Amino acid sequence: MRRILRFSLAAWLMPCLSGCSQLPLLDPQGPIGKAEMHIIGMAFALMLIVVIPVIVMAIWFPRRYSASDPKGDYAPKWSRSARIDLIVWLVPGVIVLALGILTWRGSHRLDPFRPIDTGVKPLSIEVVSLDWKWLFIYPDQDIATVNRLVIPAHVPISFRITSDTVMTAFFIPQLGSQIYALAGRQSRLHLLADTPGVYTGQNQQFSGRGFADMHFRVRVTSKKQFAAWVHRARQSPHGLDAARFAAIAKPSVRYPVSVFSPVSPGLFDDIVNRFRAGPAAGR
């Protein structure tokens, strides 16, 4: 069923998205992304219940009631039909009700603040949106990266997300759940990747001249490979403290992938809290 929905959705969207080289949203690689793909497919299928008959009738009616067709019905005093009114109002009403139930249940079941319970301890990652780059802090590993996210497969990821600039939107299409990053606020997001590979993360909210280049690579590895990567990252000669963060936070486009260790304790909370101290605090 999922394959049929995915195929039909891709077939209908392809003509509209012919300028796009890839459709990562239609190739989910985690339970959240797959569940969201299922909701999109079901919603699309429900809406086609109305669209397909309309297309068929738009072709059939002119032929059936053409003036050149001697078999066509002629009813000059016809004004209304209770049967047609019932179909016109009842069918869309049922579809809207079904869509409402589907989205309501899906929204609660896929709440981004809700942890993913797999029996495995989640990996904590703190995300900071900057102009025009992404900073990822691994508090338990005492490392940080810019524009590169490395996570192990089959391990729940617990994100804390904020912004050091304007509002942006953190999104990894193949893993699911776009969520906004706001200065002085903390968002939560829980994701899980099923398959090792390299995916794309991006900002979905326009945020200035560097918006088009504000994306990052997500590398999903095995647990063993992730542990080896953490070991190498801890050998970085550059630490991340308040002074270095201030340098990184300056607006720049296509900032190179960077790794830092150690990381100043509480840096993420300091970034969030400094926007809560009032205008006198400044930057």
C-alpha atoms as a PDB file:
ATOM      1  CA  MET A   1       0.000   0.000   0.000  1.00  0.00           C
ATOM      2  CA  ARG A   2       2.804   2.406   0.889  1.00  0.00           C
ATOM      3  CA  ARG A   3       4.548   1.702  -2.414  1.00  0.00           C
ATOM      4  CA  ILE A   4       1.326   2.396  -4.318  1.00  0.00           C
ATOM      5  CA  LEU A   5       0.803   5.683  -2.483  1.00  0.00           C
ATOM      6  CA  ARG A   6       4.416   6.715  -3.008  1.00  0.00           C
ATOM      7  CA  PHE A   7       4.278   5.873  -6.716  1.00  0.00           C
ATOM      8  CA  SER A   8       0.979   7.698  -7.285  1.00  0.00           C
ATOM      9  CA  LEU A   9       2.163  10.740  -5.343  1.00  0.00           C
ATOM     10  CA  ALA A  10       5.438  10.883  -7.277  1.00  0.00           C
ATOM     11  CA  ALA A  11       3.598  10.423 -10.597  1.00  0.00           C
ATOM     12  CA  TRP A  12       1.284  13.364  -9.924  1.00  0.00           C
ATOM     13  CA  LEU A  13       3.984  15.630  -8.485  1.00  0.00           C
ATOM     14  CA  MET A  14       6.677  14.999 -11.106  1.00  0.00           C
ATOM     15  CA  PRO A  15       5.182  17.331 -13.762  1.00  0.00           C
ATOM     16  CA  CYS A  16       4.854  20.083 -11.160  1.00  0.00           C
ATOM     17  CA  LEU A  17       8.396  19.572  -9.867  1.00  0.00           C
ATOM     18  CA  SER A  18      10.187  18.879 -13.136  1.00  0.00           C
ATOM     19  CA  GLY A  19      12.787  21.522 -12.291  1.00  0.00           C
ATOM     20  CA  CYS A  20      13.894  19.613  -9.193  1.00  0.00           C
ATOM     21  CA  SER A  21      16.638  17.020  -9.597  1.00  0.00           C
ATOM     22  CA  GLN A  22      15.656  15.090  -6.461  1.00  0.00           C
ATOM     23  CA  LEU A  23      12.623  14.563  -4.273  1.00  0.00           C
ATOM     24  CA  PRO A  24      14.143  13.574  -0.899  1.00  0.00           C
ATOM     25  CA  LEU A  25      10.802  14.034   0.851  1.00  0.00           C
ATOM     26  CA  LEU A  26       9.494  11.030  -1.107  1.00  0.00           C
ATOM     27  CA  ASP A  27      12.421   8.854   0.013  1.00  0.00           C
ATOM     28  CA  PRO A  28      12.193   8.800   3.842  1.00  0.00           C
ATOM     29  CA  GLN A  29      14.951   7.053   5.788  1.00  0.00           C
ATOM     30  CA  GLY A  30      13.548   7.098   9.308  1.00  0.00           C
ATOM     31  CA  PRO A  31      10.335   6.258  11.188  1.00  0.00           C
ATOM     32  CA  ILE A  32       9.236   9.904  11.480  1.00  0.00           C
ATOM     33  CA  GLY A  33       9.822  10.592   7.791  1.00  0.00           C
ATOM     34  CA  LYS A  34       8.023   7.369   6.808  1.00  0.00           C
ATOM     35  CA  ALA A  35       5.038   8.191   8.998  1.00  0.00           C
ATOM     36  CA  GLU A  36       4.814  11.695   7.545  1.00  0.00           C
ATOM     37  CA  MET A  37       5.122  10.282   4.027  1.00  0.00           C
ATOM     38  CA  HIS A  38       2.218   7.953   4.803  1.00  0.00           C
ATOM     39  CA  ILE A  39       0.073  10.902   5.948  1.00  0.00           C
ATOM     40  CA  ILE A  40       0.937  12.889   2.808  1.00  0.00           C
ATOM     41  CA  GLY A  41       0.092   9.900   0.611  1.00  0.00           C
ATOM     42  CA  MET A  42      -3.207   9.238   2.393  1.00  0.00           C
ATOM     43  CA  ALA A  43      -4.205  12.909   2.212  1.00  0.00           C
ATOM     44  CA  PHE A  44      -3.329  13.007  -1.483  1.00  0.00           C
ATOM     45  CA  ALA A  45      -5.346   9.841  -2.143  1.00  0.00           C
ATOM     46  CA  LEU A  46      -8.365  11.237  -0.272  1.00  0.00           C
ATOM     47  CA  MET A  47      -8.289  14.449  -2.288  1.00  0.00           C
ATOM     48  CA  LEU A  48      -8.099  12.459  -5.524  1.00  0.00           C
ATOM     49  CA  ILE A  49     -11.542  11.065  -4.656  1.00  0.00           C
ATOM     50  CA  VAL A  50     -12.886  14.456  -5.721  1.00  0.00           C
ATOM     51  CA  VAL A  51     -10.349  15.347  -8.388  1.00  0.00           C
ATOM     52  CA  ILE A  52     -10.599  12.205 -10.536  1.00  0.00           C
ATOM     53  CA  PRO A  53     -14.436  12.230 -10.896  1.00  0.00           C
ATOM     54  CA  VAL A  54     -14.341  15.941 -11.740  1.00  0.00           C
ATOM     55  CA  ILE A  55     -11.821  15.308 -14.514  1.00  0.00           C
ATOM     56  CA  VAL A  56     -13.919  12.406 -15.843  1.00  0.00           C
ATOM     57  CA  MET A  57     -17.138  14.470 -15.788  1.00  0.00           C
ATOM     58  CA  ALA A  58     -15.418  17.454 -17.415  1.00  0.00           C
ATOM     59  CA  ILE A  59     -14.616  15.198 -20.376  1.00  0.00           C
ATOM     60  CA  TRP A  60     -17.836  13.168 -20.400  1.00  0.00           C
ATOM     61  CA  PHE A  61     -20.485  15.913 -19.896  1.00  0.00           C
ATOM     62  CA  PRO A  62     -19.724  17.935 -23.069  1.00  0.00           C
ATOM     63  CA  ARG A  63     -19.869  14.734 -25.107  1.00  0.00           C
ATOM     64  CA  ARG A  64     -23.008  13.375 -23.414  1.00  0.00           C
ATOM     65  CA  TYR A  65     -25.018  16.603 -23.653  1.00  0.00           C
ATOM     66  CA  SER A  66     -23.667  17.980 -26.907  1.00  0.00           C
ATOM     67  CA  ALA A  67     -26.240  19.656 -29.173  1.00  0.00           C
ATOM     68  CA  SER A  68     -25.069  17.397 -31.976  1.00  0.00           C
ATOM     69  CA  ASP A  69     -25.962  14.259 -29.998  1.00  0.00           C
ATOM     70  CA  PRO A  70     -29.560  13.286 -30.733  1.00  0.00           C
ATOM     71  CA  LYS A  71     -29.635  11.056 -27.639  1.00  0.00           C
ATOM     72  CA  GLY A  72     -28.821  13.938 -25.311  1.00  0.00           C
ATOM     73  CA  ASP A  73     -31.497  14.805 -22.745  1.00  0.00           C
ATOM     74  CA  TYR A  74     -33.302  18.141 -23.163  1.00  0.00           C
ATOM     75  CA  ALA A  75     -34.802  19.494 -19.929  1.00  0.00           C
ATOM     76  CA  PRO A  76     -35.424  23.267 -20.236  1.00  0.00           C
ATOM     77  CA  LYS A  77     -37.429  23.419 -16.971  1.00  0.00           C
ATOM     78  CA  TRP A  78     -34.834  21.517 -14.907  1.00  0.00           C
ATOM     79  CA  SER A  79     -33.624  23.614 -11.956  1.00  0.00           C
ATOM     80  CA  ARG A  80     -32.201  21.396  -9.227  1.00  0.00           C
ATOM     81  CA  SER A  81     -31.485  17.841  -8.157  1.00  0.00           C
ATOM     82  CA  ALA A  82     -31.505  16.688  -4.562  1.00  0.00           C
ATOM     83  CA  ARG A  83     -29.295  13.761  -5.513  1.00  0.00           C
ATOM     84  CA  ILE A  84     -26.651  16.023  -7.086  1.00  0.00           C
ATOM     85  CA  ASP A  85     -26.777  18.444  -4.118  1.00  0.00           C
ATOM     86  CA  LEU A  86     -26.299  15.530  -1.725  1.00  0.00           C
ATOM     87  CA  ILE A  87     -23.256  14.264  -3.625  1.00  0.00           C
ATOM     88  CA  VAL A  88     -21.758  17.732  -4.066  1.00  0.00           C
ATOM     89  CA  TRP A  89     -21.927  18.507  -0.330  1.00  0.00           C
ATOM     90  CA  LEU A  90     -21.702  15.090   1.316  1.00  0.00           C
ATOM     91  CA  VAL A  91     -18.626  13.714  -0.471  1.00  0.00           C
ATOM     92  CA  PRO A  92     -16.379  16.768   0.199  1.00  0.00           C
ATOM     93  CA  GLY A  93     -17.716  16.898   3.770  1.00  0.00           C
ATOM     94  CA  VAL A  94     -16.732  13.275   4.392  1.00  0.00           C
ATOM     95  CA  ILE A  95     -13.299  13.890   2.832  1.00  0.00           C
ATOM     96  CA  VAL A  96     -12.687  16.978   4.987  1.00  0.00           C
ATOM     97  CA  LEU A  97     -13.718  15.011   8.076  1.00  0.00           C
ATOM     98  CA  ALA A  98     -11.375  12.155   7.154  1.00  0.00           C
ATOM     99  CA  LEU A  99      -8.518  14.612   6.502  1.00  0.00           C
ATOM    100  CA  GLY A 100      -9.183  16.306   9.829  1.00  0.00           C
ATOM    101  CA  ILE A 101      -9.039  13.022  11.742  1.00  0.00           C
ATOM    102  CA  LEU A 102      -5.918  11.935   9.842  1.00  0.00           C
ATOM    103  CA  THR A 103      -4.004  15.163  10.487  1.00  0.00           C
ATOM    104  CA  TRP A 104      -5.176  15.497  14.104  1.00  0.00           C
ATOM    105  CA  ARG A 105      -4.062  11.977  15.003  1.00  0.00           C
ATOM    106  CA  GLY A 106      -0.832  12.323  13.030  1.00  0.00           C
ATOM    107  CA  SER A 107       0.013  15.681  14.604  1.00  0.00           C
ATOM    108  CA  HIS A 108      -0.258  14.261  18.121  1.00  0.00           C
ATOM    109  CA  ARG A 109       1.459  10.975  17.308  1.00  0.00           C
ATOM    110  CA  LEU A 110       4.350  12.744  15.553  1.00  0.00           C
ATOM    111  CA  ASP A 111       4.730  15.605  18.029  1.00  0.00           C
ATOM    112  CA  PRO A 112       8.382  16.729  17.545  1.00  0.00           C
ATOM    113  CA  PHE A 113       8.705  17.275  21.299  1.00  0.00           C
ATOM    114  CA  ARG A 114       7.825  13.638  22.007  1.00  0.00           C
ATOM    115  CA  PRO A 115      10.879  11.359  22.532  1.00  0.00           C
ATOM    116  CA  ILE A 116      11.262   8.259  20.365  1.00  0.00           C
ATOM    117  CA  ASP A 117      11.147   5.230  22.636  1.00  0.00           C
ATOM    118  CA  THR A 118      13.340   2.439  21.246  1.00  0.00           C
ATOM    119  CA  GLY A 119      15.026   1.295  24.440  1.00  0.00           C
ATOM    120  CA  VAL A 120      18.261   2.978  23.286  1.00  0.00           C
ATOM    121  CA  LYS A 121      19.673   6.027  25.056  1.00  0.00           C
ATOM    122  CA  PRO A 122      19.181   9.069  22.784  1.00  0.00           C
ATOM    123  CA  LEU A 123      22.068  11.157  21.505  1.00  0.00           C
ATOM    124  CA  SER A 124      21.763  14.813  22.564  1.00  0.00           C
ATOM    125  CA  ILE A 125      22.650  17.474  19.998  1.00  0.00           C
ATOM    126  CA  GLU A 126      22.274  21.250  20.388  1.00  0.00           C
ATOM    127  CA  VAL A 127      21.616  23.165  17.162  1.00  0.00           C
ATOM    128  CA  VAL A 128      22.301  26.873  16.706  1.00  0.00           C
ATOM    129  CA  SER A 129      21.205  28.710  13.567  1.00  0.00           C
ATOM    130  CA  LEU A 130      23.626  31.423  12.453  1.00  0.00           C
ATOM    131  CA  ASP A 131      24.061  33.767   9.461  1.00  0.00           C
ATOM    132  CA  TRP A 132      24.287  31.641   7.217  1.00  0.00           C
ATOM    133  CA  LYS A 133      25.493  28.416   8.715  1.00  0.00           C
ATOM    134  CA  TRP A 134      24.588  25.761  11.289  1.00  0.00           C
ATOM    135  CA  LEU A 135      26.420  24.995  14.521  1.00  0.00           C
ATOM    136  CA  PHE A 136      25.977  21.545  16.088  1.00  0.00           C
ATOM    137  CA  ILE A 137      27.102  20.967  19.676  1.00  0.00           C
ATOM    138  CA  TYR A 138      27.442  17.450  21.120  1.00  0.00           C
ATOM    139  CA  PRO A 139      27.404  18.222  24.873  1.00  0.00           C
ATOM    140  CA  ASP A 140      28.045  14.655  26.051  1.00  0.00           C
ATOM    141  CA  GLN A 141      30.930  14.178  23.607  1.00  0.00           C
ATOM    142  CA  ASP A 142      32.391  17.686  24.226  1.00  0.00           C
ATOM    143  CA  ILE A 143      32.684  18.443  20.498  1.00  0.00           C
ATOM    144  CA  ALA A 144      31.030  20.799  18.025  1.00  0.00           C
ATOM    145  CA  THR A 145      30.822  21.078  14.248  1.00  0.00           C
ATOM    146  CA  VAL A 146      29.807  23.676  11.702  1.00  0.00           C
ATOM    147  CA  ASN A 147      27.778  22.650   8.641  1.00  0.00           C
ATOM    148  CA  ARG A 148      28.262  18.926   9.249  1.00  0.00           C
ATOM    149  CA  LEU A 149      26.003  16.653  11.308  1.00  0.00           C
ATOM    150  CA  VAL A 150      27.156  13.104  12.075  1.00  0.00           C
ATOM    151  CA  ILE A 151      24.760  10.712  13.793  1.00  0.00           C
ATOM    152  CA  PRO A 152      24.589   6.935  14.340  1.00  0.00           C
ATOM    153  CA  ALA A 153      21.863   4.842  12.720  1.00  0.00           C
ATOM    154  CA  HIS A 154      19.161   3.259  14.910  1.00  0.00           C
ATOM    155  CA  VAL A 155      19.851   5.706  17.750  1.00  0.00           C
ATOM    156  CA  PRO A 156      17.210   8.326  18.686  1.00  0.00           C
ATOM    157  CA  ILE A 157      18.478  11.889  18.308  1.00  0.00           C
ATOM    158  CA  SER A 158      17.268  14.507  20.779  1.00  0.00           C
ATOM    159  CA  PHE A 159      17.739  18.001  19.356  1.00  0.00           C
ATOM    160  CA  ARG A 160      17.603  21.310  21.208  1.00  0.00           C
ATOM    161  CA  ILE A 161      17.292  24.056  18.623  1.00  0.00           C
ATOM    162  CA  THR A 162      17.702  27.832  18.817  1.00  0.00           C
ATOM    163  CA  SER A 163      18.818  30.755  16.677  1.00  0.00           C
ATOM    164  CA  ASP A 164      21.451  33.413  17.172  1.00  0.00           C
ATOM    165  CA  THR A 165      19.914  35.470  14.387  1.00  0.00           C
ATOM    166  CA  VAL A 166      16.540  35.767  12.655  1.00  0.00           C
ATOM    167  CA  MET A 167      13.943  32.990  12.550  1.00  0.00           C
ATOM    168  CA  THR A 168      14.987  29.974  10.468  1.00  0.00           C
ATOM    169  CA  ALA A 169      13.607  26.462   9.929  1.00  0.00           C
ATOM    170  CA  PHE A 170      15.643  23.331  10.625  1.00  0.00           C
ATOM    171  CA  PHE A 171      14.734  20.480   8.280  1.00  0.00           C
ATOM    172  CA  ILE A 172      16.209  17.147   7.178  1.00  0.00           C
ATOM    173  CA  PRO A 173      13.653  16.062   4.544  1.00  0.00           C
ATOM    174  CA  GLN A 174      14.473  12.343   4.551  1.00  0.00           C
ATOM    175  CA  LEU A 175      14.238  12.122   8.342  1.00  0.00           C
ATOM    176  CA  GLY A 176      11.182  14.370   8.721  1.00  0.00           C
ATOM    177  CA  SER A 177       9.728  17.141  10.921  1.00  0.00           C
ATOM    178  CA  GLN A 178      10.656  20.677   9.988  1.00  0.00           C
ATOM    179  CA  ILE A 179      10.799  22.920  13.065  1.00  0.00           C
ATOM    180  CA  TYR A 180      11.537  26.606  13.558  1.00  0.00           C
ATOM    181  CA  ALA A 181      14.575  28.067  15.310  1.00  0.00           C
ATOM    182  CA  LEU A 182      13.927  31.313  17.194  1.00  0.00           C
ATOM    183  CA  ALA A 183      16.304  33.600  19.066  1.00  0.00           C
ATOM    184  CA  GLY A 184      15.799  33.416  22.820  1.00  0.00           C
ATOM    185  CA  ARG A 185      13.659  30.305  22.473  1.00  0.00           C
ATOM    186  CA  GLN A 186      14.389  26.599  22.549  1.00  0.00           C
ATOM    187  CA  SER A 187      12.647  24.125  20.253  1.00  0.00           C
ATOM    188  CA  ARG A 188      12.827  20.370  20.630  1.00  0.00           C
ATOM    189  CA  LEU A 189      12.943  17.729  17.924  1.00  0.00           C
ATOM    190  CA  HIS A 190      13.355  13.951  18.032  1.00  0.00           C
ATOM    191  CA  LEU A 191      14.439  12.007  14.954  1.00  0.00           C
ATOM    192  CA  LEU A 192      15.883   8.614  14.112  1.00  0.00           C
ATOM    193  CA  ALA A 193      17.705   7.386  11.002  1.00  0.00           C
ATOM    194  CA  ASP A 194      17.227   3.803   9.843  1.00  0.00           C
ATOM    195  CA  THR A 195      19.778   3.609   7.053  1.00  0.00           C
ATOM    196  CA  PRO A 196      23.437   4.737   6.944  1.00  0.00           C
ATOM    197  CA  GLY A 197      24.134   7.246   4.210  1.00  0.00           C
ATOM    198  CA  VAL A 198      24.582  10.923   3.451  1.00  0.00           C
ATOM    199  CA  TYR A 199      21.511  13.165   3.510  1.00  0.00           C
ATOM    200  CA  THR A 200      20.860  16.874   3.125  1.00  0.00           C
ATOM    201  CA  GLY A 201      19.742  19.300   5.825  1.00  0.00           C
ATOM    202  CA  GLN A 202      18.539  22.777   5.047  1.00  0.00           C
ATOM    203  CA  ASN A 203      16.936  25.995   6.186  1.00  0.00           C
ATOM    204  CA  GLN A 204      13.370  26.278   4.884  1.00  0.00           C
ATOM    205  CA  GLN A 205      12.777  29.854   6.083  1.00  0.00           C
ATOM    206  CA  PHE A 206      14.148  32.769   4.019  1.00  0.00           C
ATOM    207  CA  SER A 207      16.748  34.511   6.181  1.00  0.00           C
ATOM    208  CA  GLY A 208      18.678  36.938   4.003  1.00  0.00           C
ATOM    209  CA  ARG A 209      21.227  36.960   1.209  1.00  0.00           C
ATOM    210  CA  GLY A 210      22.979  33.734   2.280  1.00  0.00           C
ATOM    211  CA  PHE A 211      19.765  31.703   2.534  1.00  0.00           C
ATOM    212  CA  ALA A 212      20.407  29.673  -0.650  1.00  0.00           C
ATOM    213  CA  ASP A 213      23.703  28.333   0.758  1.00  0.00           C
ATOM    214  CA  MET A 214      22.457  27.630   4.270  1.00  0.00           C
ATOM    215  CA  HIS A 215      22.467  23.843   4.072  1.00  0.00           C
ATOM    216  CA  PHE A 216      24.512  21.036   5.580  1.00  0.00           C
ATOM    217  CA  ARG A 217      25.349  17.368   5.112  1.00  0.00           C
ATOM    218  CA  VAL A 218      23.970  14.730   7.458  1.00  0.00           C
ATOM    219  CA  ARG A 219      26.189  11.664   7.652  1.00  0.00           C
ATOM    220  CA  VAL A 220      24.505   8.622   9.187  1.00  0.00           C
ATOM    221  CA  THR A 221      26.990   5.947  10.272  1.00  0.00           C
ATOM    222  CA  SER A 222      27.107   2.754  12.299  1.00  0.00           C
ATOM    223  CA  LYS A 223      27.619   3.060  16.056  1.00  0.00           C
ATOM    224  CA  LYS A 224      31.222   1.904  15.686  1.00  0.00           C
ATOM    225  CA  GLN A 225      31.961   4.449  12.966  1.00  0.00           C
ATOM    226  CA  PHE A 226      30.321   7.183  15.025  1.00  0.00           C
ATOM    227  CA  ALA A 227      32.513   6.355  18.037  1.00  0.00           C
ATOM    228  CA  ALA A 228      35.601   6.495  15.799  1.00  0.00           C
ATOM    229  CA  TRP A 229      34.492   9.866  14.397  1.00  0.00           C
ATOM    230  CA  VAL A 230      33.982  11.254  17.921  1.00  0.00           C
ATOM    231  CA  HIS A 231      37.480  10.091  18.861  1.00  0.00           C
ATOM    232  CA  ARG A 232      38.989  11.902  15.853  1.00  0.00           C
ATOM    233  CA  ALA A 233      36.901  15.022  16.488  1.00  0.00           C
ATOM    234  CA  ARG A 234      38.214  15.255  20.053  1.00  0.00           C
ATOM    235  CA  GLN A 235      41.714  15.635  18.625  1.00  0.00           C
ATOM    236  CA  SER A 236      40.778  18.983  17.071  1.00  0.00           C
ATOM    237  CA  PRO A 237      43.290  21.704  17.951  1.00  0.00           C
ATOM    238  CA  HIS A 238      40.515  24.317  18.121  1.00  0.00           C
ATOM    239  CA  GLY A 239      38.210  24.673  21.086  1.00  0.00           C
ATOM    240  CA  LEU A 240      34.857  26.454  21.057  1.00  0.00           C
ATOM    241  CA  ASP A 241      34.487  29.188  23.659  1.00  0.00           C
ATOM    242  CA  ALA A 242      32.535  32.454  23.698  1.00  0.00           C
ATOM    243  CA  ALA A 243      35.213  34.343  21.755  1.00  0.00           C
ATOM    244  CA  ARG A 244      35.458  31.768  18.966  1.00  0.00           C
ATOM    245  CA  PHE A 245      31.677  31.496  18.821  1.00  0.00           C
ATOM    246  CA  ALA A 246      31.436  35.270  18.326  1.00  0.00           C
ATOM    247  CA  ALA A 247      33.815  34.957  15.376  1.00  0.00           C
ATOM    248  CA  ILE A 248      31.837  32.098  13.856  1.00  0.00           C
ATOM    249  CA  ALA A 249      28.543  33.953  14.363  1.00  0.00           C
ATOM    250  CA  LYS A 250      29.582  36.816  12.090  1.00  0.00           C
ATOM    251  CA  PRO A 251      27.567  36.724   8.836  1.00  0.00           C
ATOM    252  CA  SER A 252      29.301  34.613   6.201  1.00  0.00           C
ATOM    253  CA  VAL A 253      28.312  32.471   3.229  1.00  0.00           C
ATOM    254  CA  ARG A 254      29.591  28.938   2.504  1.00  0.00           C
ATOM    255  CA  TYR A 255      31.421  28.623   5.791  1.00  0.00           C
ATOM    256  CA  PRO A 256      33.746  25.589   5.609  1.00  0.00           C
ATOM    257  CA  VAL A 257      33.001  22.436   7.566  1.00  0.00           C
ATOM    258  CA  SER A 258      34.794  22.776  10.923  1.00  0.00           C
ATOM    259  CA  VAL A 259      35.257  20.681  14.058  1.00  0.00           C
ATOM    260  CA  PHE A 260      35.902  21.994  17.575  1.00  0.00           C
ATOM    261  CA  SER A 261      36.848  20.404  20.885  1.00  0.00           C
ATOM    262  CA  PRO A 262      36.514  21.032  23.760  1.00  0.00           C
ATOM    263  CA  VAL A 263      33.327  23.104  23.973  1.00  0.00           C
ATOM    264  CA  SER A 264      32.702  25.712  26.649  1.00  0.00           C
ATOM    265  CA  PRO A 265      30.154  24.227  29.123  1.00  0.00           C
ATOM    266  CA  GLY A 266      26.688  25.748  28.913  1.00  0.00           C
ATOM    267  CA  LEU A 267      27.373  27.548  25.634  1.00  0.00           C
ATOM    268  CA  PHE A 268      23.981  26.673  24.171  1.00  0.00           C
ATOM    269  CA  ASP A 269      22.121  27.937  27.238  1.00  0.00           C
ATOM    270  CA  ASP A 270      24.182  31.141  27.174  1.00  0.00           C
ATOM    271  CA  ILE A 271      23.156  31.723  23.541  1.00  0.00           C
ATOM    272  CA  VAL A 272      19.488  31.260  24.412  1.00  0.00           C
ATOM    273  CA  ASN A 273      19.551  33.301  27.618  1.00  0.00           C
ATOM    274  CA  ARG A 274      21.360  36.356  26.302  1.00  0.00           C
ATOM    275  CA  PHE A 275      18.296  37.263  24.255  1.00  0.00           C
ATOM    276  CA  ARG A 276      16.188  37.155  27.418  1.00  0.00           C
ATOM    277  CA  ALA A 277      18.210  39.711  29.383  1.00  0.00           C
ATOM    278  CA  GLY A 278      16.558  42.751  27.752  1.00  0.00           C
ATOM    279  CA  PRO A 279      17.853  45.314  25.268  1.00  0.00           C
ATOM    280  CA  ALA A 280      20.528  46.589  27.630  1.00  0.00           C
ATOM    281  CA  ALA A 281      22.386  43.286  27.401  1.00  0.00           C
ATOM    282  CA  GLY A 282      23.150  43.718  23.721  1.00  0.00           C
ATOM    283  CA  ARG A 283      25.413  41.279  21.924  1.00  0.00           C
END
